[in-house]
Amino acid sequence: MRTEIAFQPSSNIPNHEEKRPDLGRRGFLKWVTGGAGALALAPGLLKAAILNERYLLFYNPNTGDSIRRVYWTPRDGYIREAISEISWALRDHHNDQVKLFDPNVLDQFYALQLQLGLGQPVNVISGYRSPSTNWRLAEGSRRVARNSYHMQAMALDIRVPGGRAWDLCRAARSLGAGGVGYYPRSNFVHIDCGPVRYWS
């Protein structure tokens, strides 16, 4: 049964008071090209990143959902309906609970797809986790944070088909934004829009 998604204007919406990148048109360019860990994007990619719409292309193997969805355009900014649809595809597959995703982590995901030139769907193996699911996973593994950003819909565990986890990790770290966890044995990378930090 499909769960109704209510869009709540909270910390999931850009331009709130926390110190996060201003990911409007100029802010996204600055974020993608600036800083010590800058992306080395070719001029054509930079133009595409700023002038064109942003979209995500991914597959969730836990739910069978495939998404190719524009969620930001230069004219409209973030598209609430699209973010709601993306959030449904990233729901907690254990209980179908949904939380609206933070656009900052969606922008990180988009920048990774752009940088790596991925034309095939990335596998998202973990999106939102309800507190009950996260508690159960944390009980079974010390590697699951009890206060995980997954519970805030601010984190994704992603895998590129073909086993290029290290390439994905390097690209994620080069963004200089949020947390990046590298899990080579399980062949996935964690990204979140919390403070900048790296682990493996």
C-alpha atoms as a PDB file:
ATOM      1  CA  MET A   1       0.000   0.000   0.000  1.00  0.00           C
ATOM      2  CA  ARG A   2       1.372   3.405  -0.988  1.00  0.00           C
ATOM      3  CA  THR A   3       2.062   5.734   1.910  1.00  0.00           C
ATOM      4  CA  GLU A   4       0.911   9.345   1.595  1.00  0.00           C
ATOM      5  CA  ILE A   5       3.823  11.772   1.742  1.00  0.00           C
ATOM      6  CA  ALA A   6       3.155  15.067   3.439  1.00  0.00           C
ATOM      7  CA  PHE A   7       5.593  17.821   2.482  1.00  0.00           C
ATOM      8  CA  GLN A   8       6.518  19.634   5.670  1.00  0.00           C
ATOM      9  CA  PRO A   9       8.463  22.877   5.426  1.00  0.00           C
ATOM     10  CA  SER A  10      11.099  22.066   8.004  1.00  0.00           C
ATOM     11  CA  SER A  11      14.866  21.618   8.100  1.00  0.00           C
ATOM     12  CA  ASN A  12      14.507  19.516   4.940  1.00  0.00           C
ATOM     13  CA  ILE A  13      13.992  22.685   2.936  1.00  0.00           C
ATOM     14  CA  PRO A  14      17.011  24.722   1.830  1.00  0.00           C
ATOM     15  CA  ASN A  15      17.718  28.183   3.245  1.00  0.00           C
ATOM     16  CA  HIS A  16      17.199  27.287   6.891  1.00  0.00           C
ATOM     17  CA  GLU A  17      19.565  28.491   9.585  1.00  0.00           C
ATOM     18  CA  GLU A  18      21.994  25.557   9.778  1.00  0.00           C
ATOM     19  CA  LYS A  19      25.353  26.076   8.074  1.00  0.00           C
ATOM     20  CA  ARG A  20      24.893  24.209   4.828  1.00  0.00           C
ATOM     21  CA  PRO A  21      25.838  25.109   1.260  1.00  0.00           C
ATOM     22  CA  ASP A  22      23.596  27.673  -0.436  1.00  0.00           C
ATOM     23  CA  LEU A  23      22.731  25.451  -3.367  1.00  0.00           C
ATOM     24  CA  GLY A  24      20.975  27.913  -5.596  1.00  0.00           C
ATOM     25  CA  ARG A  25      22.461  28.449  -9.032  1.00  0.00           C
ATOM     26  CA  ARG A  26      25.509  30.465  -7.877  1.00  0.00           C
ATOM     27  CA  GLY A  27      25.888  28.488  -4.681  1.00  0.00           C
ATOM     28  CA  PHE A  28      25.935  25.172  -6.492  1.00  0.00           C
ATOM     29  CA  LEU A  29      28.658  26.402  -8.858  1.00  0.00           C
ATOM     30  CA  LYS A  30      30.742  27.639  -5.935  1.00  0.00           C
ATOM     31  CA  TRP A  31      30.222  24.390  -4.040  1.00  0.00           C
ATOM     32  CA  VAL A  32      31.103  22.189  -7.015  1.00  0.00           C
ATOM     33  CA  THR A  33      34.202  24.146  -8.062  1.00  0.00           C
ATOM     34  CA  GLY A  34      35.544  25.792  -4.929  1.00  0.00           C
ATOM     35  CA  GLY A  35      37.535  24.765  -1.895  1.00  0.00           C
ATOM     36  CA  ALA A  36      40.484  22.489  -1.289  1.00  0.00           C
ATOM     37  CA  GLY A  37      38.643  19.362  -2.348  1.00  0.00           C
ATOM     38  CA  ALA A  38      37.118  20.881  -5.476  1.00  0.00           C
ATOM     39  CA  LEU A  39      35.640  18.853  -8.287  1.00  0.00           C
ATOM     40  CA  ALA A  40      37.707  19.059 -11.440  1.00  0.00           C
ATOM     41  CA  LEU A  41      34.781  19.437 -13.800  1.00  0.00           C
ATOM     42  CA  ALA A  42      35.309  20.259 -17.449  1.00  0.00           C
ATOM     43  CA  PRO A  43      33.744  23.561 -18.608  1.00  0.00           C
ATOM     44  CA  GLY A  44      30.954  21.675 -20.361  1.00  0.00           C
ATOM     45  CA  LEU A  45      30.044  19.842 -17.181  1.00  0.00           C
ATOM     46  CA  LEU A  46      30.136  23.062 -15.186  1.00  0.00           C
ATOM     47  CA  LYS A  47      27.727  24.658 -17.622  1.00  0.00           C
ATOM     48  CA  ALA A  48      25.446  21.636 -17.404  1.00  0.00           C
ATOM     49  CA  ALA A  49      25.603  21.726 -13.597  1.00  0.00           C
ATOM     50  CA  ILE A  50      24.471  25.328 -13.423  1.00  0.00           C
ATOM     51  CA  LEU A  51      22.267  25.992 -16.415  1.00  0.00           C
ATOM     52  CA  ASN A  52      20.433  22.719 -16.793  1.00  0.00           C
ATOM     53  CA  GLU A  53      17.961  20.907 -14.626  1.00  0.00           C
ATOM     54  CA  ARG A  54      19.203  18.574 -11.917  1.00  0.00           C
ATOM     55  CA  TYR A  55      17.918  15.033 -11.950  1.00  0.00           C
ATOM     56  CA  LEU A  56      18.591  11.751 -10.182  1.00  0.00           C
ATOM     57  CA  LEU A  57      18.821   8.350 -11.810  1.00  0.00           C
ATOM     58  CA  PHE A  58      18.811   5.465  -9.342  1.00  0.00           C
ATOM     59  CA  TYR A  59      17.435   2.041  -8.533  1.00  0.00           C
ATOM     60  CA  ASN A  60      16.483   0.798  -5.059  1.00  0.00           C
ATOM     61  CA  PRO A  61      17.040  -2.991  -5.013  1.00  0.00           C
ATOM     62  CA  ASN A  62      15.165  -3.305  -1.711  1.00  0.00           C
ATOM     63  CA  THR A  63      11.894  -1.962  -3.101  1.00  0.00           C
ATOM     64  CA  GLY A  64      12.333  -2.432  -6.859  1.00  0.00           C
ATOM     65  CA  ASP A  65      11.741   1.312  -7.410  1.00  0.00           C
ATOM     66  CA  SER A  66      13.516   2.971 -10.332  1.00  0.00           C
ATOM     67  CA  ILE A  67      13.711   6.749 -10.470  1.00  0.00           C
ATOM     68  CA  ARG A  68      14.713   9.185 -13.172  1.00  0.00           C
ATOM     69  CA  ARG A  69      13.359  12.473 -11.926  1.00  0.00           C
ATOM     70  CA  VAL A  70      14.163  16.154 -12.327  1.00  0.00           C
ATOM     71  CA  TYR A  71      14.040  17.738  -8.856  1.00  0.00           C
ATOM     72  CA  TRP A  72      15.484  21.214  -9.534  1.00  0.00           C
ATOM     73  CA  THR A  73      15.285  23.617 -12.469  1.00  0.00           C
ATOM     74  CA  PRO A  74      16.788  27.090 -12.941  1.00  0.00           C
ATOM     75  CA  ARG A  75      13.306  28.566 -13.219  1.00  0.00           C
ATOM     76  CA  ASP A  76      11.492  26.731 -10.422  1.00  0.00           C
ATOM     77  CA  GLY A  77      14.252  25.804  -7.993  1.00  0.00           C
ATOM     78  CA  TYR A  78      13.522  22.669  -5.958  1.00  0.00           C
ATOM     79  CA  ILE A  79      10.390  20.855  -7.101  1.00  0.00           C
ATOM     80  CA  ARG A  80       8.434  19.675  -4.061  1.00  0.00           C
ATOM     81  CA  GLU A  81       6.466  17.010  -5.881  1.00  0.00           C
ATOM     82  CA  ALA A  82       9.672  15.503  -7.284  1.00  0.00           C
ATOM     83  CA  ILE A  83      11.400  15.479  -3.898  1.00  0.00           C
ATOM     84  CA  SER A  84       8.331  13.762  -2.432  1.00  0.00           C
ATOM     85  CA  GLU A  85       8.458  11.115  -5.165  1.00  0.00           C
ATOM     86  CA  ILE A  86      12.203  10.596  -4.651  1.00  0.00           C
ATOM     87  CA  SER A  87      11.632  10.337  -0.895  1.00  0.00           C
ATOM     88  CA  TRP A  88       9.020   7.619  -1.432  1.00  0.00           C
ATOM     89  CA  ALA A  89      11.524   5.630  -3.506  1.00  0.00           C
ATOM     90  CA  LEU A  90      14.058   6.056  -0.657  1.00  0.00           C
ATOM     91  CA  ARG A  91      11.614   5.016   2.082  1.00  0.00           C
ATOM     92  CA  ASP A  92      12.396   2.577   4.893  1.00  0.00           C
ATOM     93  CA  HIS A  93      11.685  -0.690   3.081  1.00  0.00           C
ATOM     94  CA  HIS A  94      11.210  -2.536   6.375  1.00  0.00           C
ATOM     95  CA  ASN A  95       7.982  -0.675   7.205  1.00  0.00           C
ATOM     96  CA  ASP A  96       7.280   1.723   4.285  1.00  0.00           C
ATOM     97  CA  GLN A  97       7.771   4.783   6.503  1.00  0.00           C
ATOM     98  CA  VAL A  98       8.728   7.918   4.590  1.00  0.00           C
ATOM     99  CA  LYS A  99      10.542  11.114   5.517  1.00  0.00           C
ATOM    100  CA  LEU A 100      11.129  13.953   3.101  1.00  0.00           C
ATOM    101  CA  PHE A 101      14.762  13.992   1.964  1.00  0.00           C
ATOM    102  CA  ASP A 102      17.068  16.928   2.561  1.00  0.00           C
ATOM    103  CA  PRO A 103      17.817  18.502  -0.849  1.00  0.00           C
ATOM    104  CA  ASN A 104      21.464  18.987   0.173  1.00  0.00           C
ATOM    105  CA  VAL A 105      22.148  15.248   0.075  1.00  0.00           C
ATOM    106  CA  LEU A 106      20.246  14.978  -3.203  1.00  0.00           C
ATOM    107  CA  ASP A 107      22.561  17.652  -4.620  1.00  0.00           C
ATOM    108  CA  GLN A 108      25.593  15.688  -3.412  1.00  0.00           C
ATOM    109  CA  PHE A 109      24.198  12.615  -5.156  1.00  0.00           C
ATOM    110  CA  TYR A 110      23.565  14.610  -8.340  1.00  0.00           C
ATOM    111  CA  ALA A 111      27.109  16.058  -8.297  1.00  0.00           C
ATOM    112  CA  LEU A 112      28.533  12.542  -7.991  1.00  0.00           C
ATOM    113  CA  GLN A 113      26.512  11.298 -10.940  1.00  0.00           C
ATOM    114  CA  LEU A 114      27.615  14.329 -12.951  1.00  0.00           C
ATOM    115  CA  GLN A 115      31.278  13.996 -12.043  1.00  0.00           C
ATOM    116  CA  LEU A 116      31.484  10.272 -12.781  1.00  0.00           C
ATOM    117  CA  GLY A 117      29.454  10.570 -15.969  1.00  0.00           C
ATOM    118  CA  LEU A 118      27.117   7.806 -14.880  1.00  0.00           C
ATOM    119  CA  GLY A 119      24.549   6.982 -17.530  1.00  0.00           C
ATOM    120  CA  GLN A 120      23.218   3.959 -15.673  1.00  0.00           C
ATOM    121  CA  PRO A 121      21.208   3.961 -12.450  1.00  0.00           C
ATOM    122  CA  VAL A 122      23.161   3.981  -9.204  1.00  0.00           C
ATOM    123  CA  ASN A 123      21.909   1.459  -6.646  1.00  0.00           C
ATOM    124  CA  VAL A 124      20.711   3.071  -3.426  1.00  0.00           C
ATOM    125  CA  ILE A 125      20.911   0.290  -0.876  1.00  0.00           C
ATOM    126  CA  SER A 126      19.842   2.410   2.094  1.00  0.00           C
ATOM    127  CA  GLY A 127      17.958   5.690   2.212  1.00  0.00           C
ATOM    128  CA  TYR A 128      15.646   6.703   5.033  1.00  0.00           C
ATOM    129  CA  ARG A 129      15.644   4.567   8.188  1.00  0.00           C
ATOM    130  CA  SER A 130      12.926   4.933  10.766  1.00  0.00           C
ATOM    131  CA  PRO A 131      14.167   5.089  14.378  1.00  0.00           C
ATOM    132  CA  SER A 132      12.908   1.546  15.019  1.00  0.00           C
ATOM    133  CA  THR A 133      14.781   0.146  12.012  1.00  0.00           C
ATOM    134  CA  ASN A 134      17.943   2.040  12.877  1.00  0.00           C
ATOM    135  CA  TRP A 135      17.786   0.823  16.485  1.00  0.00           C
ATOM    136  CA  ARG A 136      17.451  -2.776  15.329  1.00  0.00           C
ATOM    137  CA  LEU A 137      20.372  -2.439  12.897  1.00  0.00           C
ATOM    138  CA  ALA A 138      22.533  -0.701  15.506  1.00  0.00           C
ATOM    139  CA  GLU A 139      21.857  -3.543  17.949  1.00  0.00           C
ATOM    140  CA  GLY A 140      23.223  -6.001  15.401  1.00  0.00           C
ATOM    141  CA  SER A 141      26.281  -4.033  14.263  1.00  0.00           C
ATOM    142  CA  ARG A 142      28.663  -1.556  15.852  1.00  0.00           C
ATOM    143  CA  ARG A 143      29.094   0.065  12.418  1.00  0.00           C
ATOM    144  CA  VAL A 144      25.549   1.450  12.473  1.00  0.00           C
ATOM    145  CA  ALA A 145      25.384   4.820  14.231  1.00  0.00           C
ATOM    146  CA  ARG A 146      22.625   5.121  16.831  1.00  0.00           C
ATOM    147  CA  ASN A 147      22.037   8.737  15.770  1.00  0.00           C
ATOM    148  CA  SER A 148      22.429   8.006  12.049  1.00  0.00           C
ATOM    149  CA  TYR A 149      21.760  10.701   9.479  1.00  0.00           C
ATOM    150  CA  HIS A 150      19.640   8.081   7.714  1.00  0.00           C
ATOM    151  CA  MET A 151      16.972   8.738  10.372  1.00  0.00           C
ATOM    152  CA  GLN A 152      16.888  12.392   9.326  1.00  0.00           C
ATOM    153  CA  ALA A 153      16.668  11.578   5.589  1.00  0.00           C
ATOM    154  CA  MET A 154      20.068  13.207   5.183  1.00  0.00           C
ATOM    155  CA  ALA A 155      22.096  10.131   4.121  1.00  0.00           C
ATOM    156  CA  LEU A 156      22.342   7.568   1.338  1.00  0.00           C
ATOM    157  CA  ASP A 157      24.287   4.323   0.971  1.00  0.00           C
ATOM    158  CA  ILE A 158      25.070   3.938  -2.720  1.00  0.00           C
ATOM    159  CA  ARG A 159      26.700   1.410  -5.001  1.00  0.00           C
ATOM    160  CA  VAL A 160      27.725   1.740  -8.638  1.00  0.00           C
ATOM    161  CA  PRO A 161      27.012  -1.380 -10.708  1.00  0.00           C
ATOM    162  CA  GLY A 162      30.338  -2.863 -11.753  1.00  0.00           C
ATOM    163  CA  GLY A 163      32.051  -2.482  -8.377  1.00  0.00           C
ATOM    164  CA  ARG A 164      33.607   0.980  -8.687  1.00  0.00           C
ATOM    165  CA  ALA A 165      33.201   1.788  -4.993  1.00  0.00           C
ATOM    166  CA  TRP A 166      36.640   3.389  -4.620  1.00  0.00           C
ATOM    167  CA  ASP A 167      36.017   5.718  -7.598  1.00  0.00           C
ATOM    168  CA  LEU A 168      32.717   6.677  -6.008  1.00  0.00           C
ATOM    169  CA  CYS A 169      34.405   7.273  -2.649  1.00  0.00           C
ATOM    170  CA  ARG A 170      37.111   9.488  -4.142  1.00  0.00           C
ATOM    171  CA  ALA A 171      34.515  11.502  -6.038  1.00  0.00           C
ATOM    172  CA  ALA A 172      32.398  11.905  -2.896  1.00  0.00           C
ATOM    173  CA  ARG A 173      35.388  13.079  -0.866  1.00  0.00           C
ATOM    174  CA  SER A 174      36.377  15.543  -3.575  1.00  0.00           C
ATOM    175  CA  LEU A 175      33.087  17.365  -3.047  1.00  0.00           C
ATOM    176  CA  GLY A 176      34.300  18.492   0.377  1.00  0.00           C
ATOM    177  CA  ALA A 177      30.724  18.345   1.646  1.00  0.00           C
ATOM    178  CA  GLY A 178      29.262  16.107   4.336  1.00  0.00           C
ATOM    179  CA  GLY A 179      30.277  12.683   5.554  1.00  0.00           C
ATOM    180  CA  VAL A 180      31.709   9.962   3.338  1.00  0.00           C
ATOM    181  CA  GLY A 181      32.074   6.380   4.526  1.00  0.00           C
ATOM    182  CA  TYR A 182      33.865   3.762   2.415  1.00  0.00           C
ATOM    183  CA  TYR A 183      32.798   0.129   2.845  1.00  0.00           C
ATOM    184  CA  PRO A 184      34.914  -1.936   0.421  1.00  0.00           C
ATOM    185  CA  ARG A 185      33.821  -5.350   1.728  1.00  0.00           C
ATOM    186  CA  SER A 186      30.180  -4.518   1.146  1.00  0.00           C
ATOM    187  CA  ASN A 187      31.040  -2.495  -1.982  1.00  0.00           C
ATOM    188  CA  PHE A 188      29.159   0.693  -1.128  1.00  0.00           C
ATOM    189  CA  VAL A 189      29.754   4.305  -0.119  1.00  0.00           C
ATOM    190  CA  HIS A 190      27.817   6.287   2.462  1.00  0.00           C
ATOM    191  CA  ILE A 191      27.195   9.988   1.835  1.00  0.00           C
ATOM    192  CA  ASP A 192      25.416  12.458   4.091  1.00  0.00           C
ATOM    193  CA  CYS A 193      24.993  16.215   4.390  1.00  0.00           C
ATOM    194  CA  GLY A 194      26.219  16.445   7.975  1.00  0.00           C
ATOM    195  CA  PRO A 195      29.652  17.832   8.932  1.00  0.00           C
ATOM    196  CA  VAL A 196      32.594  17.008   6.660  1.00  0.00           C
ATOM    197  CA  ARG A 197      34.279  13.781   7.846  1.00  0.00           C
ATOM    198  CA  TYR A 198      35.627  10.569   6.306  1.00  0.00           C
ATOM    199  CA  TRP A 199      35.865   6.989   7.512  1.00  0.00           C
ATOM    200  CA  SER A 200      36.242   3.438   6.241  1.00  0.00           C
END
